[in-house]
Amino acid sequence: MPDYQIADRFQQNALLEILPECRTDLKLYWHHWKQQSPALQQLTQTILEQAEQHLNYPIPI
């Protein structure tokens, strides 16, 4: 796509859907050890919560 067609979106750091009708569903996985530090437990929980809010389908926990 020529730069002049997306210059305003690029300057705003905005994403541009080139083919919105061509979507692909794929499962995302968060790999982690069963034994985690408290910081990694919090990170894992935050990622799961945010993913469930912002992605298209609920995440089995």
PDB file of N, CA and C in Angstrom:
ATOM      1  N   MET A   1       0.849  -1.163   0.000  1.00  0.00           N
ATOM      2  CA  MET A   1       0.000   0.000   0.000  1.00  0.00           C
ATOM      3  C   MET A   1       0.899   1.232   0.000  1.00  0.00           C
ATOM      4  N   PRO A   2       0.668   2.148  -0.919  1.00  0.00           N
ATOM      5  CA  PRO A   2       1.509   3.348  -1.001  1.00  0.00           C
ATOM      6  C   PRO A   2       1.439   4.186   0.274  1.00  0.00           C
ATOM      7  N   ASP A   3       2.579   4.743   0.625  1.00  0.00           N
ATOM      8  CA  ASP A   3       2.671   5.540   1.848  1.00  0.00           C
ATOM      9  C   ASP A   3       1.674   6.692   1.870  1.00  0.00           C
ATOM     10  N   TYR A   4       1.454   7.329   0.744  1.00  0.00           N
ATOM     11  CA  TYR A   4       0.563   8.489   0.744  1.00  0.00           C
ATOM     12  C   TYR A   4      -0.874   8.109   1.089  1.00  0.00           C
ATOM     13  N   GLN A   5      -1.250   6.856   0.894  1.00  0.00           N
ATOM     14  CA  GLN A   5      -2.607   6.427   1.215  1.00  0.00           C
ATOM     15  C   GLN A   5      -2.797   6.177   2.712  1.00  0.00           C
ATOM     16  N   ILE A   6      -1.729   5.931   3.406  1.00  0.00           N
ATOM     17  CA  ILE A   6      -1.846   5.627   4.833  1.00  0.00           C
ATOM     18  C   ILE A   6      -1.042   6.582   5.713  1.00  0.00           C
ATOM     19  N   ALA A   7      -0.568   7.666   5.156  1.00  0.00           N
ATOM     20  CA  ALA A   7       0.315   8.578   5.893  1.00  0.00           C
ATOM     21  C   ALA A   7      -0.320   9.082   7.183  1.00  0.00           C
ATOM     22  N   ASP A   8      -1.599   9.479   7.134  1.00  0.00           N
ATOM     23  CA  ASP A   8      -2.232  10.007   8.345  1.00  0.00           C
ATOM     24  C   ASP A   8      -2.364   8.935   9.418  1.00  0.00           C
ATOM     25  N   ARG A   9      -2.723   7.711   9.038  1.00  0.00           N
ATOM     26  CA  ARG A   9      -2.834   6.613  10.009  1.00  0.00           C
ATOM     27  C   ARG A   9      -1.454   6.260  10.572  1.00  0.00           C
ATOM     28  N   PHE A  10      -0.449   6.285   9.726  1.00  0.00           N
ATOM     29  CA  PHE A  10       0.908   5.954  10.146  1.00  0.00           C
ATOM     30  C   PHE A  10       1.413   6.969  11.167  1.00  0.00           C
ATOM     31  N   GLN A  11       1.160   8.243  10.943  1.00  0.00           N
ATOM     32  CA  GLN A  11       1.599   9.288  11.869  1.00  0.00           C
ATOM     33  C   GLN A  11       0.886   9.185  13.214  1.00  0.00           C
ATOM     34  N   GLN A  12      -0.328   8.633  13.225  1.00  0.00           N
ATOM     35  CA  GLN A  12      -1.090   8.462  14.464  1.00  0.00           C
ATOM     36  C   GLN A  12      -0.766   7.136  15.152  1.00  0.00           C
ATOM     37  N   ASN A  13       0.163   6.373  14.578  1.00  0.00           N
ATOM     38  CA  ASN A  13       0.477   5.031  15.075  1.00  0.00           C
ATOM     39  C   ASN A  13      -0.775   4.159  15.134  1.00  0.00           C
ATOM     40  N   ALA A  14      -1.647   4.310  14.162  1.00  0.00           N
ATOM     41  CA  ALA A  14      -2.898   3.558  14.107  1.00  0.00           C
ATOM     42  C   ALA A  14      -2.743   2.347  13.191  1.00  0.00           C
ATOM     43  N   LEU A  15      -3.412   1.274  13.579  1.00  0.00           N
ATOM     44  CA  LEU A  15      -3.417   0.089  12.733  1.00  0.00           C
ATOM     45  C   LEU A  15      -4.394   0.291  11.588  1.00  0.00           C
ATOM     46  N   LEU A  16      -4.119  -0.349  10.490  1.00  0.00           N
ATOM     47  CA  LEU A  16      -4.969  -0.235   9.318  1.00  0.00           C
ATOM     48  C   LEU A  16      -5.332  -1.629   8.847  1.00  0.00           C
ATOM     49  N   GLU A  17      -6.633  -1.925   8.802  1.00  0.00           N
ATOM     50  CA  GLU A  17      -7.073  -3.219   8.284  1.00  0.00           C
ATOM     51  C   GLU A  17      -7.088  -3.134   6.767  1.00  0.00           C
ATOM     52  N   ILE A  18      -6.238  -3.901   6.141  1.00  0.00           N
ATOM     53  CA  ILE A  18      -6.156  -3.875   4.687  1.00  0.00           C
ATOM     54  C   ILE A  18      -7.265  -4.721   4.073  1.00  0.00           C
ATOM     55  N   LEU A  19      -7.529  -5.881   4.638  1.00  0.00           N
ATOM     56  CA  LEU A  19      -8.586  -6.772   4.152  1.00  0.00           C
ATOM     57  C   LEU A  19      -9.480  -7.187   5.319  1.00  0.00           C
ATOM     58  N   PRO A  20     -10.379  -6.321   5.777  1.00  0.00           N
ATOM     59  CA  PRO A  20     -11.188  -6.649   6.950  1.00  0.00           C
ATOM     60  C   PRO A  20     -12.092  -7.859   6.751  1.00  0.00           C
ATOM     61  N   GLU A  21     -12.424  -8.173   5.522  1.00  0.00           N
ATOM     62  CA  GLU A  21     -13.291  -9.330   5.264  1.00  0.00           C
ATOM     63  C   GLU A  21     -12.526 -10.654   5.311  1.00  0.00           C
ATOM     64  N   CYS A  22     -11.228 -10.594   5.384  1.00  0.00           N
ATOM     65  CA  CYS A  22     -10.403 -11.809   5.410  1.00  0.00           C
ATOM     66  C   CYS A  22      -9.781 -11.972   6.796  1.00  0.00           C
ATOM     67  N   ARG A  23     -10.550 -12.492   7.712  1.00  0.00           N
ATOM     68  CA  ARG A  23     -10.050 -12.702   9.077  1.00  0.00           C
ATOM     69  C   ARG A  23      -9.745 -14.177   9.290  1.00  0.00           C
ATOM     70  N   THR A  24      -8.806 -14.433  10.153  1.00  0.00           N
ATOM     71  CA  THR A  24      -8.436 -15.797  10.488  1.00  0.00           C
ATOM     72  C   THR A  24      -8.477 -15.949  12.002  1.00  0.00           C
ATOM     73  N   ASP A  25      -9.293 -16.888  12.460  1.00  0.00           N
ATOM     74  CA  ASP A  25      -9.327 -17.183  13.886  1.00  0.00           C
ATOM     75  C   ASP A  25      -8.203 -18.150  14.216  1.00  0.00           C
ATOM     76  N   LEU A  26      -7.480 -17.853  15.263  1.00  0.00           N
ATOM     77  CA  LEU A  26      -6.470 -18.789  15.727  1.00  0.00           C
ATOM     78  C   LEU A  26      -6.382 -18.722  17.233  1.00  0.00           C
ATOM     79  N   LYS A  27      -6.088 -19.854  17.812  1.00  0.00           N
ATOM     80  CA  LYS A  27      -5.994 -19.933  19.266  1.00  0.00           C
ATOM     81  C   LYS A  27      -4.631 -19.438  19.717  1.00  0.00           C
ATOM     82  N   LEU A  28      -4.652 -18.654  20.779  1.00  0.00           N
ATOM     83  CA  LEU A  28      -3.422 -18.151  21.366  1.00  0.00           C
ATOM     84  C   LEU A  28      -3.181 -18.878  22.678  1.00  0.00           C
ATOM     85  N   TYR A  29      -1.946 -19.131  22.977  1.00  0.00           N
ATOM     86  CA  TYR A  29      -1.594 -19.869  24.188  1.00  0.00           C
ATOM     87  C   TYR A  29      -0.575 -19.081  24.989  1.00  0.00           C
ATOM     88  N   TRP A  30      -0.736 -19.113  26.294  1.00  0.00           N
ATOM     89  CA  TRP A  30       0.223 -18.508  27.212  1.00  0.00           C
ATOM     90  C   TRP A  30       0.930 -19.662  27.908  1.00  0.00           C
ATOM     91  N   HIS A  31       2.172 -19.893  27.539  1.00  0.00           N
ATOM     92  CA  HIS A  31       2.941 -20.994  28.117  1.00  0.00           C
ATOM     93  C   HIS A  31       3.687 -20.491  29.354  1.00  0.00           C
ATOM     94  N   HIS A  32       3.586 -21.270  30.423  1.00  0.00           N
ATOM     95  CA  HIS A  32       4.273 -20.892  31.654  1.00  0.00           C
ATOM     96  C   HIS A  32       4.482 -22.135  32.514  1.00  0.00           C
ATOM     97  N   TRP A  33       5.391 -22.027  33.453  1.00  0.00           N
ATOM     98  CA  TRP A  33       5.646 -23.114  34.385  1.00  0.00           C
ATOM     99  C   TRP A  33       4.521 -23.183  35.402  1.00  0.00           C
ATOM    100  N   LYS A  34       4.278 -24.378  35.939  1.00  0.00           N
ATOM    101  CA  LYS A  34       3.269 -24.504  36.997  1.00  0.00           C
ATOM    102  C   LYS A  34       3.727 -23.774  38.262  1.00  0.00           C
ATOM    103  N   GLN A  35       5.011 -23.858  38.562  1.00  0.00           N
ATOM    104  CA  GLN A  35       5.569 -23.145  39.714  1.00  0.00           C
ATOM    105  C   GLN A  35       6.009 -21.762  39.237  1.00  0.00           C
ATOM    106  N   GLN A  36       5.329 -20.720  39.710  1.00  0.00           N
ATOM    107  CA  GLN A  36       5.661 -19.366  39.283  1.00  0.00           C
ATOM    108  C   GLN A  36       5.918 -18.483  40.498  1.00  0.00           C
ATOM    109  N   SER A  37       6.730 -17.479  40.281  1.00  0.00           N
ATOM    110  CA  SER A  37       6.918 -16.466  41.321  1.00  0.00           C
ATOM    111  C   SER A  37       5.627 -15.650  41.417  1.00  0.00           C
ATOM    112  N   PRO A  38       5.416 -14.956  42.522  1.00  0.00           N
ATOM    113  CA  PRO A  38       4.216 -14.115  42.633  1.00  0.00           C
ATOM    114  C   PRO A  38       4.093 -13.096  41.490  1.00  0.00           C
ATOM    115  N   ALA A  39       5.218 -12.539  41.061  1.00  0.00           N
ATOM    116  CA  ALA A  39       5.175 -11.564  39.961  1.00  0.00           C
ATOM    117  C   ALA A  39       4.687 -12.220  38.669  1.00  0.00           C
ATOM    118  N   LEU A  40       5.169 -13.429  38.377  1.00  0.00           N
ATOM    119  CA  LEU A  40       4.720 -14.125  37.168  1.00  0.00           C
ATOM    120  C   LEU A  40       3.281 -14.597  37.292  1.00  0.00           C
ATOM    121  N   GLN A  41       2.841 -14.938  38.492  1.00  0.00           N
ATOM    122  CA  GLN A  41       1.431 -15.291  38.692  1.00  0.00           C
ATOM    123  C   GLN A  41       0.544 -14.092  38.374  1.00  0.00           C
ATOM    124  N   GLN A  42       0.945 -12.918  38.835  1.00  0.00           N
ATOM    125  CA  GLN A  42       0.172 -11.704  38.564  1.00  0.00           C
ATOM    126  C   GLN A  42       0.182 -11.381  37.076  1.00  0.00           C
ATOM    127  N   LEU A  43       1.331 -11.523  36.434  1.00  0.00           N
ATOM    128  CA  LEU A  43       1.424 -11.276  34.995  1.00  0.00           C
ATOM    129  C   LEU A  43       0.513 -12.222  34.224  1.00  0.00           C
ATOM    130  N   THR A  44       0.541 -13.506  34.570  1.00  0.00           N
ATOM    131  CA  THR A  44      -0.311 -14.495  33.915  1.00  0.00           C
ATOM    132  C   THR A  44      -1.778 -14.133  34.092  1.00  0.00           C
ATOM    133  N   GLN A  45      -2.181 -13.784  35.296  1.00  0.00           N
ATOM    134  CA  GLN A  45      -3.575 -13.423  35.562  1.00  0.00           C
ATOM    135  C   GLN A  45      -3.986 -12.189  34.764  1.00  0.00           C
ATOM    136  N   THR A  46      -3.121 -11.195  34.714  1.00  0.00           N
ATOM    137  CA  THR A  46      -3.418  -9.968  33.972  1.00  0.00           C
ATOM    138  C   THR A  46      -3.557 -10.246  32.485  1.00  0.00           C
ATOM    139  N   ILE A  47      -2.672 -11.058  31.939  1.00  0.00           N
ATOM    140  CA  ILE A  47      -2.755 -11.403  30.515  1.00  0.00           C
ATOM    141  C   ILE A  47      -4.060 -12.121  30.216  1.00  0.00           C
ATOM    142  N   LEU A  48      -4.441 -13.078  31.049  1.00  0.00           N
ATOM    143  CA  LEU A  48      -5.694 -13.806  30.829  1.00  0.00           C
ATOM    144  C   LEU A  48      -6.904 -12.875  30.910  1.00  0.00           C
ATOM    145  N   GLU A  49      -6.927 -11.995  31.888  1.00  0.00           N
ATOM    146  CA  GLU A  49      -8.054 -11.065  32.035  1.00  0.00           C
ATOM    147  C   GLU A  49      -8.154 -10.117  30.844  1.00  0.00           C
ATOM    148  N   GLN A  50      -7.031  -9.559  30.439  1.00  0.00           N
ATOM    149  CA  GLN A  50      -7.040  -8.621  29.317  1.00  0.00           C
ATOM    150  C   GLN A  50      -7.395  -9.318  28.005  1.00  0.00           C
ATOM    151  N   ALA A  51      -6.891 -10.516  27.821  1.00  0.00           N
ATOM    152  CA  ALA A  51      -7.205 -11.263  26.601  1.00  0.00           C
ATOM    153  C   ALA A  51      -8.696 -11.555  26.530  1.00  0.00           C
ATOM    154  N   GLU A  52      -9.289 -11.930  27.648  1.00  0.00           N
ATOM    155  CA  GLU A  52     -10.723 -12.230  27.645  1.00  0.00           C
ATOM    156  C   GLU A  52     -11.547 -10.978  27.344  1.00  0.00           C
ATOM    157  N   GLN A  53     -11.086  -9.830  27.790  1.00  0.00           N
ATOM    158  CA  GLN A  53     -11.801  -8.575  27.530  1.00  0.00           C
ATOM    159  C   GLN A  53     -11.666  -8.114  26.087  1.00  0.00           C
ATOM    160  N   HIS A  54     -10.479  -8.285  25.502  1.00  0.00           N
ATOM    161  CA  HIS A  54     -10.187  -7.642  24.226  1.00  0.00           C
ATOM    162  C   HIS A  54     -10.174  -8.572  23.019  1.00  0.00           C
ATOM    163  N   LEU A  55     -10.166  -9.859  23.244  1.00  0.00           N
ATOM    164  CA  LEU A  55     -10.186 -10.787  22.116  1.00  0.00           C
ATOM    165  C   LEU A  55     -11.614 -11.242  21.857  1.00  0.00           C
ATOM    166  N   ASN A  56     -11.811 -11.943  20.769  1.00  0.00           N
ATOM    167  CA  ASN A  56     -13.160 -12.257  20.305  1.00  0.00           C
ATOM    168  C   ASN A  56     -13.859 -13.392  21.018  1.00  0.00           C
ATOM    169  N   TYR A  57     -13.179 -14.166  21.823  1.00  0.00           N
ATOM    170  CA  TYR A  57     -13.837 -15.297  22.469  1.00  0.00           C
ATOM    171  C   TYR A  57     -13.283 -15.474  23.871  1.00  0.00           C
ATOM    172  N   PRO A  58     -14.095 -16.015  24.771  1.00  0.00           N
ATOM    173  CA  PRO A  58     -13.627 -16.216  26.147  1.00  0.00           C
ATOM    174  C   PRO A  58     -12.517 -17.251  26.226  1.00  0.00           C
ATOM    175  N   ILE A  59     -11.699 -17.110  27.225  1.00  0.00           N
ATOM    176  CA  ILE A  59     -10.558 -17.998  27.407  1.00  0.00           C
ATOM    177  C   ILE A  59     -10.866 -18.989  28.520  1.00  0.00           C
ATOM    178  N   PRO A  60     -10.741 -20.289  28.244  1.00  0.00           N
ATOM    179  CA  PRO A  60     -10.922 -21.251  29.335  1.00  0.00           C
ATOM    180  C   PRO A  60      -9.745 -21.165  30.297  1.00  0.00           C
ATOM    181  N   ILE A  61     -10.028 -20.993  31.558  1.00  0.00           N
ATOM    182  CA  ILE A  61      -8.950 -20.868  32.557  1.00  0.00           C
ATOM    183  C   ILE A  61      -8.872 -22.150  33.361  1.00  0.00           C
TER     184      ILE A  61
END
